[in-house]
Amino acid sequence: MPLKRVVIIANGDFNNRDFYRRLLRGDDYLICVNGGTGHALAMGLSPDLVIGDLDSLAPGDSERIVPPKPRLIKHPRAKNKSDLELAVDQAVNMKPAEILLIGILGGERADHAFANLLLLCIPHRAGIPAQIVDEQHEIKVIGAEAIFEGNKGDYLSLFSLTAETVVIETTGLKFPLKDESLFFSSTRGLSNELIRSRARVKIKSGLLLAIKVS
């Protein structure tokens, strides 16, 4: 039976455990990346897979990783991909219905944050819906159409990941777009606002990174 959802838990900010508990489902397949294992264990969850070089895994947590449950895939520190990208590759290869990434944001490294957002393009290329979620953000890559649900006044920023993205229309936003283009590196799509509980974005060509902020 195909997997309904793979959840990737990384070692980023994890301030409200109850928020993440409410996101998770009983049939989720949990992939923990390094110190993300500690977040899962702190919520009373049992990872299905732990992946990475294990450099940020707390000693007490490492003692609780006893294969075959969870399964362990250890990589060397010197490699051509980040541990998170290896986890995303693993999730995509499992062909789930969707992928959720949590514990992705935060930290002091702008290069890591930028790279982590771009990783959403990997499941997008494979035709698998994926999003990054934390207490404030919902982040997706849009190649055709997407719906965002939230509250009036929530921000929705749209950034073109290609040289040009042609937007057919947006609805439910304070500053609607219709038959307009967003260009790579432009702030034209920054900080739009929801005027209803649901916003819709539909594009003709290109690729958007969409960031909703509550």
N, C-alpha and C. Protein backbone atom coordinates (compact mmCIF):
# COMPACT_ATOMS: atom_id res chain seq x y z
N MET A 1 0.85 -1.20 0.00
CA MET A 1 0.00 0.00 0.00
C MET A 1 0.88 1.24 0.00
N PRO A 2 0.65 2.19 -0.92
CA PRO A 2 1.49 3.38 -0.99
C PRO A 2 1.43 4.20 0.30
N LEU A 3 2.55 4.84 0.62
CA LEU A 3 2.59 5.70 1.80
C LEU A 3 1.74 6.94 1.58
N LYS A 4 0.98 7.30 2.59
CA LYS A 4 0.19 8.52 2.49
C LYS A 4 1.07 9.75 2.64
N ARG A 5 1.95 9.75 3.66
CA ARG A 5 2.77 10.94 3.88
C ARG A 5 4.08 10.57 4.57
N VAL A 6 5.16 11.19 4.12
CA VAL A 6 6.44 11.11 4.79
C VAL A 6 6.68 12.45 5.48
N VAL A 7 7.04 12.41 6.75
CA VAL A 7 7.37 13.62 7.50
C VAL A 7 8.86 13.60 7.80
N ILE A 8 9.54 14.65 7.39
CA ILE A 8 10.97 14.80 7.65
C ILE A 8 11.14 15.78 8.81
N ILE A 9 11.82 15.35 9.85
CA ILE A 9 12.04 16.18 11.03
C ILE A 9 13.53 16.51 11.10
N ALA A 10 13.87 17.80 10.99
CA ALA A 10 15.26 18.24 11.05
C ALA A 10 15.54 18.92 12.39
N ASN A 11 16.74 19.47 12.54
CA ASN A 11 17.18 19.97 13.83
C ASN A 11 17.08 21.48 13.95
N GLY A 12 16.09 22.08 13.26
CA GLY A 12 15.90 23.51 13.35
C GLY A 12 15.08 23.89 14.57
N ASP A 13 14.55 25.12 14.54
CA ASP A 13 13.76 25.60 15.68
C ASP A 13 12.51 24.75 15.87
N PHE A 14 12.21 24.46 17.12
CA PHE A 14 11.09 23.56 17.46
C PHE A 14 10.52 24.06 18.78
N ASN A 15 9.85 25.20 18.75
CA ASN A 15 9.49 25.87 19.99
C ASN A 15 8.22 25.35 20.63
N ASN A 16 7.24 24.97 19.82
CA ASN A 16 5.93 24.58 20.35
C ASN A 16 5.64 23.14 19.96
N ARG A 17 5.98 22.22 20.83
CA ARG A 17 5.82 20.80 20.50
C ARG A 17 4.36 20.43 20.28
N ASP A 18 3.45 21.05 21.00
CA ASP A 18 2.02 20.75 20.81
C ASP A 18 1.58 21.08 19.40
N PHE A 19 2.10 22.17 18.84
CA PHE A 19 1.78 22.55 17.46
C PHE A 19 2.16 21.42 16.50
N TYR A 20 3.35 20.86 16.68
CA TYR A 20 3.80 19.81 15.78
C TYR A 20 3.08 18.49 16.03
N ARG A 21 2.75 18.21 17.27
CA ARG A 21 1.96 17.01 17.55
C ARG A 21 0.62 17.04 16.81
N ARG A 22 0.03 18.22 16.75
CA ARG A 22 -1.26 18.34 16.06
C ARG A 22 -1.12 18.17 14.55
N LEU A 23 0.06 18.47 14.02
CA LEU A 23 0.29 18.30 12.59
C LEU A 23 0.41 16.84 12.19
N LEU A 24 0.92 16.02 13.09
CA LEU A 24 1.29 14.65 12.74
C LEU A 24 0.09 13.71 12.81
N ARG A 25 0.18 12.66 11.98
CA ARG A 25 -0.87 11.65 11.91
C ARG A 25 -0.29 10.29 12.31
N GLY A 26 -1.17 9.41 12.71
CA GLY A 26 -0.72 8.11 13.18
C GLY A 26 -0.05 7.26 12.11
N ASP A 27 -0.39 7.50 10.83
CA ASP A 27 0.18 6.68 9.77
C ASP A 27 1.32 7.37 9.03
N ASP A 28 1.84 8.48 9.58
CA ASP A 28 3.00 9.14 8.97
C ASP A 28 4.23 8.25 9.08
N TYR A 29 5.07 8.31 8.05
CA TYR A 29 6.39 7.67 8.09
C TYR A 29 7.38 8.76 8.47
N LEU A 30 8.07 8.60 9.60
CA LEU A 30 8.92 9.64 10.15
C LEU A 30 10.39 9.41 9.80
N ILE A 31 10.96 10.37 9.08
CA ILE A 31 12.39 10.39 8.80
C ILE A 31 13.01 11.51 9.63
N CYS A 32 13.95 11.18 10.49
CA CYS A 32 14.63 12.17 11.32
C CYS A 32 16.04 12.40 10.80
N VAL A 33 16.41 13.67 10.69
CA VAL A 33 17.73 14.04 10.21
C VAL A 33 18.58 14.46 11.41
N ASN A 34 19.60 13.69 11.71
CA ASN A 34 20.52 14.00 12.80
C ASN A 34 19.78 14.40 14.08
N GLY A 35 20.01 15.65 14.56
CA GLY A 35 19.41 16.10 15.82
C GLY A 35 17.92 16.21 15.79
N GLY A 36 17.31 16.12 14.61
CA GLY A 36 15.86 16.08 14.54
C GLY A 36 15.30 14.88 15.29
N THR A 37 16.14 13.86 15.46
CA THR A 37 15.75 12.68 16.24
C THR A 37 15.36 13.08 17.65
N GLY A 38 16.12 14.02 18.23
CA GLY A 38 15.82 14.48 19.58
C GLY A 38 14.45 15.14 19.67
N HIS A 39 14.09 15.90 18.63
CA HIS A 39 12.76 16.53 18.62
C HIS A 39 11.67 15.46 18.62
N ALA A 40 11.86 14.42 17.80
CA ALA A 40 10.86 13.36 17.74
C ALA A 40 10.74 12.63 19.07
N LEU A 41 11.86 12.28 19.64
CA LEU A 41 11.85 11.54 20.91
C LEU A 41 11.23 12.38 22.03
N ALA A 42 11.48 13.69 22.01
CA ALA A 42 10.92 14.57 23.04
C ALA A 42 9.40 14.64 22.95
N MET A 43 8.86 14.37 21.76
CA MET A 43 7.40 14.35 21.59
C MET A 43 6.83 12.96 21.81
N GLY A 44 7.67 12.02 22.20
CA GLY A 44 7.19 10.66 22.44
C GLY A 44 6.99 9.87 21.17
N LEU A 45 7.64 10.30 20.07
CA LEU A 45 7.49 9.63 18.79
C LEU A 45 8.64 8.68 18.53
N SER A 46 8.36 7.65 17.77
CA SER A 46 9.38 6.67 17.41
C SER A 46 9.71 6.83 15.93
N PRO A 47 10.90 7.33 15.59
CA PRO A 47 11.25 7.50 14.17
C PRO A 47 11.25 6.16 13.44
N ASP A 48 10.89 6.22 12.17
CA ASP A 48 11.01 5.03 11.32
C ASP A 48 12.39 4.95 10.70
N LEU A 49 13.01 6.10 10.47
CA LEU A 49 14.33 6.15 9.83
C LEU A 49 15.10 7.33 10.39
N VAL A 50 16.36 7.11 10.72
CA VAL A 50 17.29 8.18 11.11
C VAL A 50 18.38 8.23 10.06
N ILE A 51 18.64 9.44 9.53
CA ILE A 51 19.58 9.58 8.42
C ILE A 51 20.51 10.76 8.67
N GLY A 52 21.75 10.65 8.21
CA GLY A 52 22.71 11.74 8.31
C GLY A 52 24.04 11.27 8.85
N ASP A 53 24.92 12.26 9.12
CA ASP A 53 26.22 11.90 9.69
C ASP A 53 26.18 11.82 11.21
N LEU A 54 25.00 12.15 11.78
CA LEU A 54 24.73 12.04 13.22
C LEU A 54 25.59 12.98 14.06
N ASP A 55 26.10 14.08 13.44
CA ASP A 55 26.99 14.99 14.17
C ASP A 55 26.26 15.81 15.23
N SER A 56 24.96 16.03 15.07
CA SER A 56 24.22 16.84 16.05
C SER A 56 23.28 15.99 16.90
N LEU A 57 23.52 14.70 16.93
CA LEU A 57 22.68 13.81 17.73
C LEU A 57 23.20 13.77 19.16
N ALA A 58 22.32 14.08 20.12
CA ALA A 58 22.72 14.08 21.52
C ALA A 58 23.10 12.67 21.96
N PRO A 59 24.10 12.54 22.85
CA PRO A 59 24.54 11.20 23.29
C PRO A 59 23.40 10.34 23.83
N GLY A 60 22.54 10.93 24.63
CA GLY A 60 21.42 10.16 25.17
C GLY A 60 20.47 9.67 24.10
N ASP A 61 20.31 10.47 23.03
CA ASP A 61 19.43 10.07 21.94
C ASP A 61 20.06 8.97 21.11
N SER A 62 21.37 9.04 20.92
CA SER A 62 22.04 8.02 20.11
C SER A 62 21.91 6.64 20.74
N GLU A 63 21.84 6.59 22.05
CA GLU A 63 21.69 5.30 22.74
C GLU A 63 20.31 4.69 22.51
N ARG A 64 19.35 5.53 22.10
CA ARG A 64 17.98 5.04 21.89
C ARG A 64 17.73 4.63 20.44
N ILE A 65 18.74 4.78 19.59
CA ILE A 65 18.62 4.35 18.20
C ILE A 65 19.16 2.94 18.09
N VAL A 66 18.28 1.99 18.07
CA VAL A 66 18.68 0.59 18.01
C VAL A 66 17.99 -0.05 16.80
N PRO A 67 18.69 -0.13 15.65
CA PRO A 67 18.07 -0.78 14.48
C PRO A 67 17.66 -2.20 14.83
N PRO A 68 16.67 -2.77 14.16
CA PRO A 68 16.05 -2.30 12.91
C PRO A 68 14.97 -1.24 13.08
N LYS A 69 14.54 -0.90 14.30
CA LYS A 69 13.55 0.17 14.45
C LYS A 69 14.09 1.19 15.46
N PRO A 70 14.52 2.36 15.02
CA PRO A 70 14.43 2.83 13.64
C PRO A 70 15.54 2.29 12.75
N ARG A 71 15.27 2.32 11.46
CA ARG A 71 16.31 2.03 10.48
C ARG A 71 17.32 3.17 10.52
N LEU A 72 18.57 2.87 10.31
CA LEU A 72 19.64 3.87 10.38
C LEU A 72 20.43 3.89 9.08
N ILE A 73 20.54 5.09 8.49
CA ILE A 73 21.40 5.29 7.32
C ILE A 73 22.41 6.36 7.69
N LYS A 74 23.65 5.94 7.91
CA LYS A 74 24.70 6.88 8.33
C LYS A 74 25.57 7.25 7.14
N HIS A 75 25.79 8.57 6.99
CA HIS A 75 26.63 9.08 5.91
C HIS A 75 27.87 9.73 6.51
N PRO A 76 28.97 9.78 5.76
CA PRO A 76 30.16 10.47 6.24
C PRO A 76 29.93 11.98 6.30
N ARG A 77 30.74 12.68 7.08
CA ARG A 77 30.60 14.13 7.18
C ARG A 77 30.97 14.81 5.86
N ALA A 78 31.97 14.27 5.17
CA ALA A 78 32.39 14.83 3.89
C ALA A 78 31.57 14.19 2.77
N LYS A 79 30.70 14.98 2.14
CA LYS A 79 29.83 14.44 1.10
C LYS A 79 29.37 15.59 0.21
N ASN A 80 28.73 15.25 -0.90
CA ASN A 80 28.34 16.26 -1.88
C ASN A 80 26.94 16.82 -1.68
N LYS A 81 26.20 16.27 -0.73
CA LYS A 81 24.85 16.75 -0.44
C LYS A 81 24.70 16.94 1.06
N SER A 82 23.81 17.86 1.44
CA SER A 82 23.51 18.02 2.86
C SER A 82 22.72 16.82 3.36
N ASP A 83 22.75 16.62 4.66
CA ASP A 83 21.98 15.52 5.24
C ASP A 83 20.49 15.68 4.97
N LEU A 84 20.02 16.93 4.98
CA LEU A 84 18.60 17.16 4.70
C LEU A 84 18.26 16.80 3.26
N GLU A 85 19.13 17.13 2.31
CA GLU A 85 18.86 16.75 0.93
C GLU A 85 18.84 15.23 0.78
N LEU A 86 19.72 14.54 1.47
CA LEU A 86 19.71 13.08 1.43
C LEU A 86 18.40 12.53 1.98
N ALA A 87 17.87 13.18 3.01
CA ALA A 87 16.58 12.75 3.56
C ALA A 87 15.45 13.01 2.57
N VAL A 88 15.49 14.15 1.89
CA VAL A 88 14.46 14.46 0.89
C VAL A 88 14.54 13.46 -0.26
N ASP A 89 15.76 13.14 -0.71
CA ASP A 89 15.92 12.13 -1.76
C ASP A 89 15.30 10.80 -1.33
N GLN A 90 15.57 10.42 -0.08
CA GLN A 90 15.04 9.16 0.45
C GLN A 90 13.52 9.18 0.44
N ALA A 91 12.94 10.30 0.88
CA ALA A 91 11.47 10.42 0.91
C ALA A 91 10.88 10.35 -0.49
N VAL A 92 11.49 11.03 -1.44
CA VAL A 92 10.98 11.02 -2.82
C VAL A 92 11.04 9.62 -3.40
N ASN A 93 12.11 8.89 -3.11
CA ASN A 93 12.24 7.53 -3.63
C ASN A 93 11.16 6.59 -3.09
N MET A 94 10.57 6.95 -1.96
CA MET A 94 9.51 6.13 -1.37
C MET A 94 8.15 6.38 -2.03
N LYS A 95 8.08 7.42 -2.86
CA LYS A 95 6.86 7.75 -3.63
C LYS A 95 5.61 7.90 -2.75
N PRO A 96 5.68 8.75 -1.73
CA PRO A 96 4.48 8.97 -0.91
C PRO A 96 3.50 9.90 -1.61
N ALA A 97 2.32 10.03 -1.04
CA ALA A 97 1.33 10.97 -1.58
C ALA A 97 1.74 12.41 -1.32
N GLU A 98 2.46 12.65 -0.23
CA GLU A 98 2.92 14.00 0.08
C GLU A 98 4.09 13.93 1.07
N ILE A 99 4.80 15.05 1.16
CA ILE A 99 5.95 15.16 2.07
C ILE A 99 5.78 16.44 2.90
N LEU A 100 5.96 16.31 4.20
CA LEU A 100 5.93 17.45 5.12
C LEU A 100 7.30 17.56 5.77
N LEU A 101 7.85 18.78 5.79
CA LEU A 101 9.15 19.02 6.40
C LEU A 101 8.96 19.96 7.59
N ILE A 102 9.45 19.54 8.76
CA ILE A 102 9.36 20.37 9.96
C ILE A 102 10.73 20.43 10.63
N GLY A 103 10.93 21.45 11.48
CA GLY A 103 12.24 21.65 12.08
C GLY A 103 13.28 22.08 11.05
N ILE A 104 12.82 22.74 10.00
CA ILE A 104 13.70 23.11 8.89
C ILE A 104 14.27 24.51 9.06
N LEU A 105 13.50 25.42 9.65
CA LEU A 105 13.88 26.82 9.71
C LEU A 105 14.60 27.15 11.02
N GLY A 106 15.21 28.35 11.05
CA GLY A 106 15.94 28.78 12.23
C GLY A 106 17.44 28.58 12.07
N GLY A 107 18.16 28.90 13.11
CA GLY A 107 19.61 28.77 13.06
C GLY A 107 20.27 30.05 12.61
N GLU A 108 21.60 30.03 12.57
CA GLU A 108 22.39 31.23 12.31
C GLU A 108 22.96 31.28 10.90
N ARG A 109 22.76 30.23 10.11
CA ARG A 109 23.39 30.15 8.80
C ARG A 109 22.41 30.50 7.69
N ALA A 110 22.60 31.67 7.07
CA ALA A 110 21.73 32.08 5.97
C ALA A 110 21.89 31.14 4.78
N ASP A 111 23.09 30.62 4.55
CA ASP A 111 23.30 29.71 3.42
C ASP A 111 22.52 28.42 3.60
N HIS A 112 22.48 27.91 4.83
CA HIS A 112 21.71 26.70 5.10
C HIS A 112 20.22 26.95 4.91
N ALA A 113 19.74 28.10 5.41
CA ALA A 113 18.31 28.42 5.29
C ALA A 113 17.90 28.51 3.82
N PHE A 114 18.72 29.18 3.01
CA PHE A 114 18.42 29.33 1.58
C PHE A 114 18.40 27.96 0.90
N ALA A 115 19.41 27.15 1.18
CA ALA A 115 19.49 25.82 0.56
C ALA A 115 18.30 24.96 0.96
N ASN A 116 17.88 25.06 2.22
CA ASN A 116 16.76 24.24 2.69
C ASN A 116 15.47 24.57 1.96
N LEU A 117 15.23 25.86 1.69
CA LEU A 117 14.02 26.24 0.96
C LEU A 117 14.05 25.69 -0.46
N LEU A 118 15.21 25.72 -1.09
CA LEU A 118 15.31 25.24 -2.47
C LEU A 118 15.07 23.74 -2.58
N LEU A 119 15.25 23.01 -1.49
CA LEU A 119 15.06 21.56 -1.53
C LEU A 119 13.61 21.18 -1.85
N LEU A 120 12.67 22.12 -1.68
CA LEU A 120 11.29 21.83 -2.05
C LEU A 120 11.15 21.55 -3.55
N CYS A 121 12.12 21.99 -4.33
CA CYS A 121 12.06 21.74 -5.78
C CYS A 121 12.24 20.27 -6.11
N ILE A 122 12.90 19.51 -5.23
CA ILE A 122 13.15 18.09 -5.52
C ILE A 122 11.85 17.30 -5.56
N PRO A 123 11.01 17.33 -4.52
CA PRO A 123 9.72 16.63 -4.64
C PRO A 123 8.83 17.23 -5.72
N HIS A 124 8.93 18.53 -5.94
CA HIS A 124 8.12 19.14 -7.00
C HIS A 124 8.44 18.51 -8.35
N ARG A 125 9.72 18.32 -8.65
CA ARG A 125 10.11 17.71 -9.92
C ARG A 125 9.59 16.29 -10.04
N ALA A 126 9.44 15.62 -8.89
CA ALA A 126 8.95 14.24 -8.88
C ALA A 126 7.43 14.17 -8.86
N GLY A 127 6.76 15.32 -8.85
CA GLY A 127 5.30 15.33 -8.84
C GLY A 127 4.69 15.03 -7.49
N ILE A 128 5.46 15.24 -6.41
CA ILE A 128 4.97 14.95 -5.06
C ILE A 128 4.74 16.26 -4.32
N PRO A 129 3.53 16.55 -3.87
CA PRO A 129 3.29 17.77 -3.09
C PRO A 129 4.13 17.78 -1.82
N ALA A 130 4.74 18.92 -1.53
CA ALA A 130 5.60 19.03 -0.35
C ALA A 130 5.50 20.44 0.20
N GLN A 131 5.68 20.55 1.50
CA GLN A 131 5.69 21.87 2.13
C GLN A 131 6.53 21.86 3.39
N ILE A 132 7.07 23.04 3.70
CA ILE A 132 7.76 23.28 4.96
C ILE A 132 6.79 24.04 5.87
N VAL A 133 6.65 23.59 7.10
CA VAL A 133 5.71 24.21 8.03
C VAL A 133 6.39 24.41 9.38
N ASP A 134 6.18 25.59 9.98
CA ASP A 134 6.48 25.77 11.40
C ASP A 134 5.35 26.60 12.00
N GLU A 135 5.56 27.11 13.22
CA GLU A 135 4.48 27.80 13.91
C GLU A 135 3.98 29.04 13.15
N GLN A 136 4.80 29.64 12.32
CA GLN A 136 4.44 30.86 11.62
C GLN A 136 4.38 30.73 10.11
N HIS A 137 5.07 29.74 9.55
CA HIS A 137 5.26 29.70 8.10
C HIS A 137 4.66 28.45 7.46
N GLU A 138 4.19 28.65 6.24
CA GLU A 138 3.82 27.55 5.35
C GLU A 138 4.46 27.87 4.01
N ILE A 139 5.34 26.99 3.54
CA ILE A 139 6.17 27.29 2.38
C ILE A 139 6.00 26.18 1.34
N LYS A 140 5.71 26.58 0.09
CA LYS A 140 5.50 25.62 -0.99
C LYS A 140 6.18 26.12 -2.25
N VAL A 141 6.44 25.20 -3.16
CA VAL A 141 6.81 25.53 -4.53
C VAL A 141 5.58 25.32 -5.40
N ILE A 142 5.27 26.31 -6.23
CA ILE A 142 4.08 26.25 -7.08
C ILE A 142 4.50 26.17 -8.54
N GLY A 143 4.03 25.12 -9.21
CA GLY A 143 4.28 24.97 -10.63
C GLY A 143 3.04 25.11 -11.47
N ALA A 144 1.87 25.13 -10.83
CA ALA A 144 0.61 25.27 -11.56
C ALA A 144 -0.40 26.04 -10.71
N GLU A 145 -0.82 25.46 -9.59
CA GLU A 145 -1.87 26.09 -8.77
C GLU A 145 -1.70 25.65 -7.33
N ALA A 146 -2.04 26.54 -6.41
CA ALA A 146 -1.97 26.20 -4.99
C ALA A 146 -3.00 27.00 -4.21
N ILE A 147 -3.46 26.41 -3.12
CA ILE A 147 -4.41 27.03 -2.21
C ILE A 147 -3.72 27.25 -0.86
N PHE A 148 -3.95 28.41 -0.26
CA PHE A 148 -3.43 28.70 1.07
C PHE A 148 -4.60 29.08 1.98
N GLU A 149 -4.67 28.44 3.12
CA GLU A 149 -5.71 28.75 4.08
C GLU A 149 -5.08 29.40 5.31
N GLY A 150 -5.74 30.42 5.82
CA GLY A 150 -5.20 31.12 6.97
C GLY A 150 -6.20 32.12 7.50
N ASN A 151 -5.69 33.25 7.99
CA ASN A 151 -6.53 34.29 8.55
C ASN A 151 -6.34 35.60 7.79
N LYS A 152 -7.37 36.41 7.79
CA LYS A 152 -7.27 37.72 7.17
C LYS A 152 -6.10 38.47 7.78
N GLY A 153 -5.25 39.02 6.93
CA GLY A 153 -4.07 39.74 7.40
C GLY A 153 -2.80 38.93 7.36
N ASP A 154 -2.90 37.61 7.18
CA ASP A 154 -1.69 36.80 6.99
C ASP A 154 -0.97 37.26 5.73
N TYR A 155 0.35 37.20 5.75
CA TYR A 155 1.14 37.59 4.59
C TYR A 155 1.36 36.39 3.67
N LEU A 156 1.38 36.66 2.37
CA LEU A 156 1.76 35.66 1.39
C LEU A 156 2.71 36.30 0.40
N SER A 157 3.95 35.82 0.39
CA SER A 157 4.96 36.33 -0.52
C SER A 157 5.20 35.32 -1.62
N LEU A 158 5.34 35.82 -2.84
CA LEU A 158 5.55 34.97 -4.02
C LEU A 158 6.84 35.40 -4.71
N PHE A 159 7.78 34.45 -4.83
CA PHE A 159 9.07 34.73 -5.44
C PHE A 159 9.27 33.81 -6.64
N SER A 160 9.65 34.37 -7.76
CA SER A 160 9.90 33.56 -8.93
C SER A 160 11.24 32.84 -8.79
N LEU A 161 11.21 31.52 -8.99
CA LEU A 161 12.44 30.73 -8.98
C LEU A 161 13.02 30.57 -10.38
N THR A 162 12.28 31.03 -11.36
CA THR A 162 12.75 31.01 -12.74
C THR A 162 12.90 32.46 -13.22
N ALA A 163 13.51 32.65 -14.38
CA ALA A 163 13.74 34.00 -14.87
C ALA A 163 12.45 34.79 -14.91
N GLU A 164 11.36 34.13 -15.30
CA GLU A 164 10.05 34.78 -15.33
C GLU A 164 8.98 33.75 -15.00
N THR A 165 8.03 34.15 -14.17
CA THR A 165 6.86 33.32 -13.89
C THR A 165 5.61 34.11 -14.27
N VAL A 166 4.80 33.52 -15.13
CA VAL A 166 3.59 34.19 -15.58
C VAL A 166 2.43 33.74 -14.69
N VAL A 167 1.84 34.71 -14.01
CA VAL A 167 0.73 34.44 -13.09
C VAL A 167 -0.59 34.66 -13.83
N ILE A 168 -1.40 33.63 -13.91
CA ILE A 168 -2.72 33.77 -14.53
C ILE A 168 -3.60 34.64 -13.65
N GLU A 169 -3.68 34.29 -12.35
CA GLU A 169 -4.43 35.12 -11.42
C GLU A 169 -4.18 34.66 -9.99
N THR A 170 -4.40 35.60 -9.08
CA THR A 170 -4.48 35.27 -7.66
C THR A 170 -5.82 35.75 -7.15
N THR A 171 -6.39 35.04 -6.19
CA THR A 171 -7.64 35.46 -5.57
C THR A 171 -7.48 35.39 -4.06
N GLY A 172 -8.25 36.20 -3.36
CA GLY A 172 -8.20 36.22 -1.90
C GLY A 172 -7.05 37.03 -1.35
N LEU A 173 -6.39 37.84 -2.20
CA LEU A 173 -5.26 38.64 -1.77
C LEU A 173 -5.55 40.13 -1.91
N LYS A 174 -4.96 40.93 -1.07
CA LYS A 174 -5.17 42.37 -1.06
C LYS A 174 -4.72 43.01 -2.36
N PHE A 175 -3.61 42.52 -2.90
CA PHE A 175 -3.07 43.05 -4.15
C PHE A 175 -3.10 41.94 -5.20
N PRO A 176 -4.22 41.80 -5.92
CA PRO A 176 -4.36 40.68 -6.84
C PRO A 176 -3.45 40.82 -8.06
N LEU A 177 -3.06 39.68 -8.58
CA LEU A 177 -2.30 39.62 -9.82
C LEU A 177 -3.16 38.94 -10.88
N LYS A 178 -3.12 39.46 -12.07
CA LYS A 178 -3.88 38.86 -13.17
C LYS A 178 -3.11 39.09 -14.46
N ASP A 179 -2.73 37.99 -15.11
CA ASP A 179 -1.97 38.05 -16.35
C ASP A 179 -0.75 38.96 -16.20
N GLU A 180 -0.01 38.70 -15.13
CA GLU A 180 1.20 39.48 -14.86
C GLU A 180 2.39 38.54 -14.68
N SER A 181 3.59 39.10 -14.79
CA SER A 181 4.80 38.31 -14.63
C SER A 181 5.54 38.73 -13.36
N LEU A 182 6.08 37.73 -12.67
CA LEU A 182 7.02 37.97 -11.58
C LEU A 182 8.39 37.52 -12.07
N PHE A 183 9.41 38.30 -11.74
CA PHE A 183 10.74 38.03 -12.25
C PHE A 183 11.69 37.64 -11.13
N PHE A 184 12.63 36.78 -11.46
CA PHE A 184 13.62 36.33 -10.48
C PHE A 184 14.38 37.53 -9.92
N SER A 185 14.50 37.57 -8.61
CA SER A 185 15.22 38.58 -7.81
C SER A 185 14.38 39.83 -7.55
N SER A 186 13.19 39.95 -8.12
CA SER A 186 12.32 41.10 -7.86
C SER A 186 11.54 40.90 -6.57
N THR A 187 11.23 42.02 -5.89
CA THR A 187 10.40 41.97 -4.68
C THR A 187 8.93 42.27 -4.98
N ARG A 188 8.56 42.21 -6.24
CA ARG A 188 7.19 42.52 -6.65
C ARG A 188 6.15 41.70 -5.87
N GLY A 189 6.46 40.45 -5.55
CA GLY A 189 5.48 39.59 -4.88
C GLY A 189 5.62 39.54 -3.37
N LEU A 190 6.41 40.44 -2.80
CA LEU A 190 6.68 40.40 -1.36
C LEU A 190 5.52 40.94 -0.54
N SER A 191 5.17 40.24 0.52
CA SER A 191 4.24 40.73 1.56
C SER A 191 2.87 41.13 1.04
N ASN A 192 2.29 40.30 0.18
CA ASN A 192 0.87 40.45 -0.11
C ASN A 192 0.09 40.01 1.13
N GLU A 193 -1.21 40.24 1.17
CA GLU A 193 -1.98 39.90 2.37
C GLU A 193 -3.26 39.17 2.00
N LEU A 194 -3.64 38.20 2.84
CA LEU A 194 -4.92 37.53 2.69
C LEU A 194 -6.05 38.47 3.11
N ILE A 195 -7.08 38.55 2.29
CA ILE A 195 -8.27 39.32 2.66
C ILE A 195 -9.44 38.40 2.98
N ARG A 196 -9.24 37.10 2.78
CA ARG A 196 -10.21 36.08 3.15
C ARG A 196 -9.46 34.92 3.80
N SER A 197 -10.18 33.91 4.20
CA SER A 197 -9.54 32.77 4.86
C SER A 197 -8.84 31.84 3.87
N ARG A 198 -9.03 32.09 2.59
CA ARG A 198 -8.41 31.24 1.57
C ARG A 198 -7.90 32.10 0.43
N ALA A 199 -6.69 31.81 -0.01
CA ALA A 199 -6.10 32.48 -1.17
C ALA A 199 -5.71 31.42 -2.19
N ARG A 200 -5.81 31.79 -3.45
CA ARG A 200 -5.51 30.86 -4.54
C ARG A 200 -4.52 31.53 -5.49
N VAL A 201 -3.53 30.75 -5.91
CA VAL A 201 -2.52 31.24 -6.85
C VAL A 201 -2.49 30.27 -8.03
N LYS A 202 -2.62 30.81 -9.22
CA LYS A 202 -2.61 29.99 -10.43
C LYS A 202 -1.63 30.59 -11.42
N ILE A 203 -0.69 29.78 -11.92
CA ILE A 203 0.31 30.30 -12.84
C ILE A 203 0.27 29.55 -14.17
N LYS A 204 0.75 30.23 -15.19
CA LYS A 204 0.77 29.67 -16.54
C LYS A 204 2.09 29.00 -16.84
N SER A 205 3.19 29.62 -16.40
CA SER A 205 4.53 29.07 -16.67
C SER A 205 5.49 29.57 -15.60
N GLY A 206 6.59 28.87 -15.47
CA GLY A 206 7.57 29.24 -14.46
C GLY A 206 7.39 28.46 -13.16
N LEU A 207 7.98 28.98 -12.11
CA LEU A 207 7.99 28.30 -10.83
C LEU A 207 8.04 29.35 -9.72
N LEU A 208 7.18 29.21 -8.72
CA LEU A 208 7.13 30.15 -7.62
C LEU A 208 7.51 29.48 -6.31
N LEU A 209 8.20 30.23 -5.47
CA LEU A 209 8.35 29.87 -4.06
C LEU A 209 7.36 30.73 -3.29
N ALA A 210 6.41 30.10 -2.62
CA ALA A 210 5.37 30.82 -1.89
C ALA A 210 5.59 30.65 -0.40
N ILE A 211 5.58 31.77 0.33
CA ILE A 211 5.80 31.76 1.79
C ILE A 211 4.65 32.48 2.46
N LYS A 212 3.83 31.73 3.20
CA LYS A 212 2.74 32.34 3.97
C LYS A 212 3.21 32.52 5.41
N VAL A 213 3.00 33.71 5.95
CA VAL A 213 3.42 34.03 7.31
C VAL A 213 2.20 34.42 8.12
N SER A 214 1.97 33.71 9.21
CA SER A 214 0.80 33.98 10.07
C SER A 214 1.15 35.03 11.13
